[in-house]
Amino acid sequence: MRRFQTIIVVLCAVGALAAQTVPRFAGTWQGETATGRHIVLNLAVKPTQVTGTFTLVEQTVEITNAKIDGKVLSFKVALEGRTPMIAGELVGEQLKLVVEGVSNPVLLSRVK
């Protein structure tokens, strides 16, 4: 019985530690492109899926092919005749987005 209790305590501790190390992408993020265009990213993260919307100026689309791999979030959006892959990584309190085909990364801040 004592061994079983020890195993349970260790598993709980490992689970708690793992939960703390997983980046927190869920929520609303906003920022601007290098050319001053307003971006809003709304993300919902569930154990088996990532969903959300991406707004560029006033055009809002659903994100597709979204996934989290370690500390990197990736997804696609269909905007302005393109469907680029976007990769995001938490950098301090910001989400740094790198958009396929765009040279400048975009920094988004969490909306509180």
C-alpha atoms as a PDB file:
ATOM      1  CA  MET A   1       0.000   0.000   0.000  1.00  0.00           C
ATOM      2  CA  ARG A   2       2.812   2.379   0.875  1.00  0.00           C
ATOM      3  CA  ARG A   3       4.500   1.719  -2.485  1.00  0.00           C
ATOM      4  CA  PHE A   4       1.221   2.489  -4.307  1.00  0.00           C
ATOM      5  CA  GLN A   5       0.893   5.807  -2.459  1.00  0.00           C
ATOM      6  CA  THR A   6       4.477   6.715  -3.350  1.00  0.00           C
ATOM      7  CA  ILE A   7       3.829   5.971  -7.029  1.00  0.00           C
ATOM      8  CA  ILE A   8       0.679   8.131  -6.997  1.00  0.00           C
ATOM      9  CA  VAL A   9       2.535  11.047  -5.380  1.00  0.00           C
ATOM     10  CA  VAL A  10       5.371  10.799  -7.929  1.00  0.00           C
ATOM     11  CA  LEU A  11       2.934  10.671 -10.876  1.00  0.00           C
ATOM     12  CA  CYS A  12       1.055  13.712  -9.570  1.00  0.00           C
ATOM     13  CA  ALA A  13       4.300  15.638  -9.136  1.00  0.00           C
ATOM     14  CA  VAL A  14       5.484  14.766 -12.656  1.00  0.00           C
ATOM     15  CA  GLY A  15       2.083  15.756 -14.097  1.00  0.00           C
ATOM     16  CA  ALA A  16       2.134  19.087 -12.281  1.00  0.00           C
ATOM     17  CA  LEU A  17       5.668  19.797 -13.494  1.00  0.00           C
ATOM     18  CA  ALA A  18       4.763  18.908 -17.089  1.00  0.00           C
ATOM     19  CA  ALA A  19       1.709  21.183 -16.973  1.00  0.00           C
ATOM     20  CA  GLN A  20       3.880  24.094 -15.849  1.00  0.00           C
ATOM     21  CA  THR A  21       6.368  23.627 -18.692  1.00  0.00           C
ATOM     22  CA  VAL A  22       3.775  23.550 -21.506  1.00  0.00           C
ATOM     23  CA  PRO A  23       3.508  27.017 -23.066  1.00  0.00           C
ATOM     24  CA  ARG A  24       0.192  28.772 -22.599  1.00  0.00           C
ATOM     25  CA  PHE A  25      -1.011  29.788 -26.045  1.00  0.00           C
ATOM     26  CA  ALA A  26      -4.749  30.001 -25.311  1.00  0.00           C
ATOM     27  CA  GLY A  27      -6.315  33.450 -25.260  1.00  0.00           C
ATOM     28  CA  THR A  28      -6.423  36.593 -27.346  1.00  0.00           C
ATOM     29  CA  TRP A  29      -3.260  38.127 -28.797  1.00  0.00           C
ATOM     30  CA  GLN A  30      -2.855  41.355 -30.758  1.00  0.00           C
ATOM     31  CA  GLY A  31      -0.179  43.357 -32.519  1.00  0.00           C
ATOM     32  CA  GLU A  32       0.784  44.950 -35.824  1.00  0.00           C
ATOM     33  CA  THR A  33       2.666  43.925 -38.919  1.00  0.00           C
ATOM     34  CA  ALA A  34       5.789  45.824 -39.977  1.00  0.00           C
ATOM     35  CA  THR A  35       3.533  47.897 -42.245  1.00  0.00           C
ATOM     36  CA  GLY A  36       1.154  48.811 -39.405  1.00  0.00           C
ATOM     37  CA  ARG A  37      -1.710  46.409 -40.194  1.00  0.00           C
ATOM     38  CA  HIS A  38      -3.591  45.324 -37.036  1.00  0.00           C
ATOM     39  CA  ILE A  39      -3.615  41.588 -36.172  1.00  0.00           C
ATOM     40  CA  VAL A  40      -5.751  39.737 -33.618  1.00  0.00           C
ATOM     41  CA  LEU A  41      -5.269  36.029 -32.906  1.00  0.00           C
ATOM     42  CA  ASN A  42      -7.837  34.198 -30.764  1.00  0.00           C
ATOM     43  CA  LEU A  43      -6.785  30.707 -29.667  1.00  0.00           C
ATOM     44  CA  ALA A  44      -8.565  27.923 -27.809  1.00  0.00           C
ATOM     45  CA  VAL A  45      -6.347  25.026 -26.743  1.00  0.00           C
ATOM     46  CA  LYS A  46      -7.841  21.683 -25.750  1.00  0.00           C
ATOM     47  CA  PRO A  47      -5.981  18.444 -25.042  1.00  0.00           C
ATOM     48  CA  THR A  48      -6.513  17.112 -28.569  1.00  0.00           C
ATOM     49  CA  GLN A  49      -6.984  20.232 -30.691  1.00  0.00           C
ATOM     50  CA  VAL A  50      -6.162  23.882 -31.238  1.00  0.00           C
ATOM     51  CA  THR A  51      -8.800  26.143 -32.763  1.00  0.00           C
ATOM     52  CA  GLY A  52      -9.204  29.853 -33.280  1.00  0.00           C
ATOM     53  CA  THR A  53      -9.462  32.838 -35.555  1.00  0.00           C
ATOM     54  CA  PHE A  54      -6.942  35.163 -37.169  1.00  0.00           C
ATOM     55  CA  THR A  55      -7.913  38.738 -37.995  1.00  0.00           C
ATOM     56  CA  LEU A  56      -5.878  40.947 -40.318  1.00  0.00           C
ATOM     57  CA  VAL A  57      -7.269  44.487 -40.258  1.00  0.00           C
ATOM     58  CA  GLU A  58     -11.007  43.661 -40.551  1.00  0.00           C
ATOM     59  CA  GLN A  59     -10.870  40.261 -42.282  1.00  0.00           C
ATOM     60  CA  THR A  60     -11.348  37.327 -39.861  1.00  0.00           C
ATOM     61  CA  VAL A  61     -10.727  33.696 -40.854  1.00  0.00           C
ATOM     62  CA  GLU A  62     -10.588  30.379 -39.024  1.00  0.00           C
ATOM     63  CA  ILE A  63      -7.130  28.926 -38.449  1.00  0.00           C
ATOM     64  CA  THR A  64      -6.511  25.455 -39.915  1.00  0.00           C
ATOM     65  CA  ASN A  65      -3.977  22.652 -39.432  1.00  0.00           C
ATOM     66  CA  ALA A  66      -3.218  24.024 -35.961  1.00  0.00           C
ATOM     67  CA  LYS A  67      -0.955  22.116 -33.618  1.00  0.00           C
ATOM     68  CA  ILE A  68       1.435  22.595 -30.738  1.00  0.00           C
ATOM     69  CA  ASP A  69       4.768  20.805 -30.811  1.00  0.00           C
ATOM     70  CA  GLY A  70       6.683  21.514 -27.638  1.00  0.00           C
ATOM     71  CA  LYS A  71       7.020  25.283 -27.390  1.00  0.00           C
ATOM     72  CA  VAL A  72       6.004  25.985 -30.989  1.00  0.00           C
ATOM     73  CA  LEU A  73       2.498  26.673 -32.250  1.00  0.00           C
ATOM     74  CA  SER A  74       1.827  26.315 -35.987  1.00  0.00           C
ATOM     75  CA  PHE A  75      -1.253  26.887 -38.121  1.00  0.00           C
ATOM     76  CA  LYS A  76      -2.426  28.030 -41.549  1.00  0.00           C
ATOM     77  CA  VAL A  77      -4.734  30.872 -42.553  1.00  0.00           C
ATOM     78  CA  ALA A  78      -6.379  31.592 -45.894  1.00  0.00           C
ATOM     79  CA  LEU A  79      -6.046  35.343 -46.453  1.00  0.00           C
ATOM     80  CA  GLU A  80      -5.645  37.566 -49.485  1.00  0.00           C
ATOM     81  CA  GLY A  81      -5.398  34.617 -51.893  1.00  0.00           C
ATOM     82  CA  ARG A  82      -2.657  32.866 -49.913  1.00  0.00           C
ATOM     83  CA  THR A  83      -2.566  30.098 -47.299  1.00  0.00           C
ATOM     84  CA  PRO A  84       0.756  30.576 -45.503  1.00  0.00           C
ATOM     85  CA  MET A  85       2.015  28.448 -42.632  1.00  0.00           C
ATOM     86  CA  ILE A  86       2.489  30.530 -39.491  1.00  0.00           C
ATOM     87  CA  ALA A  87       4.732  29.439 -36.623  1.00  0.00           C
ATOM     88  CA  GLY A  88       4.551  31.051 -33.196  1.00  0.00           C
ATOM     89  CA  GLU A  89       6.770  30.826 -30.153  1.00  0.00           C
ATOM     90  CA  LEU A  90       6.355  32.439 -26.756  1.00  0.00           C
ATOM     91  CA  VAL A  91       9.112  34.948 -26.087  1.00  0.00           C
ATOM     92  CA  GLY A  92       8.706  36.333 -22.600  1.00  0.00           C
ATOM     93  CA  GLU A  93       5.206  37.814 -22.471  1.00  0.00           C
ATOM     94  CA  GLN A  94       4.841  37.989 -26.265  1.00  0.00           C
ATOM     95  CA  LEU A  95       4.004  35.572 -29.060  1.00  0.00           C
ATOM     96  CA  LYS A  96       6.484  35.831 -31.939  1.00  0.00           C
ATOM     97  CA  LEU A  97       4.886  34.839 -35.243  1.00  0.00           C
ATOM     98  CA  VAL A  98       6.887  33.931 -38.318  1.00  0.00           C
ATOM     99  CA  VAL A  99       4.736  33.955 -41.444  1.00  0.00           C
ATOM    100  CA  GLU A 100       5.791  31.883 -44.443  1.00  0.00           C
ATOM    101  CA  GLY A 101       6.951  34.231 -47.215  1.00  0.00           C
ATOM    102  CA  VAL A 102       7.223  37.291 -44.939  1.00  0.00           C
ATOM    103  CA  SER A 103      10.676  38.449 -43.856  1.00  0.00           C
ATOM    104  CA  ASN A 104       9.737  40.310 -40.661  1.00  0.00           C
ATOM    105  CA  PRO A 105       8.344  38.395 -37.666  1.00  0.00           C
ATOM    106  CA  VAL A 106       5.284  39.804 -35.905  1.00  0.00           C
ATOM    107  CA  LEU A 107       5.178  40.245 -32.125  1.00  0.00           C
ATOM    108  CA  LEU A 108       1.791  39.866 -30.483  1.00  0.00           C
ATOM    109  CA  SER A 109       0.918  40.713 -26.895  1.00  0.00           C
ATOM    110  CA  ARG A 110      -1.696  38.930 -24.824  1.00  0.00           C
ATOM    111  CA  VAL A 111      -4.900  40.917 -24.349  1.00  0.00           C
ATOM    112  CA  LYS A 112      -5.678  41.114 -20.631  1.00  0.00           C
END
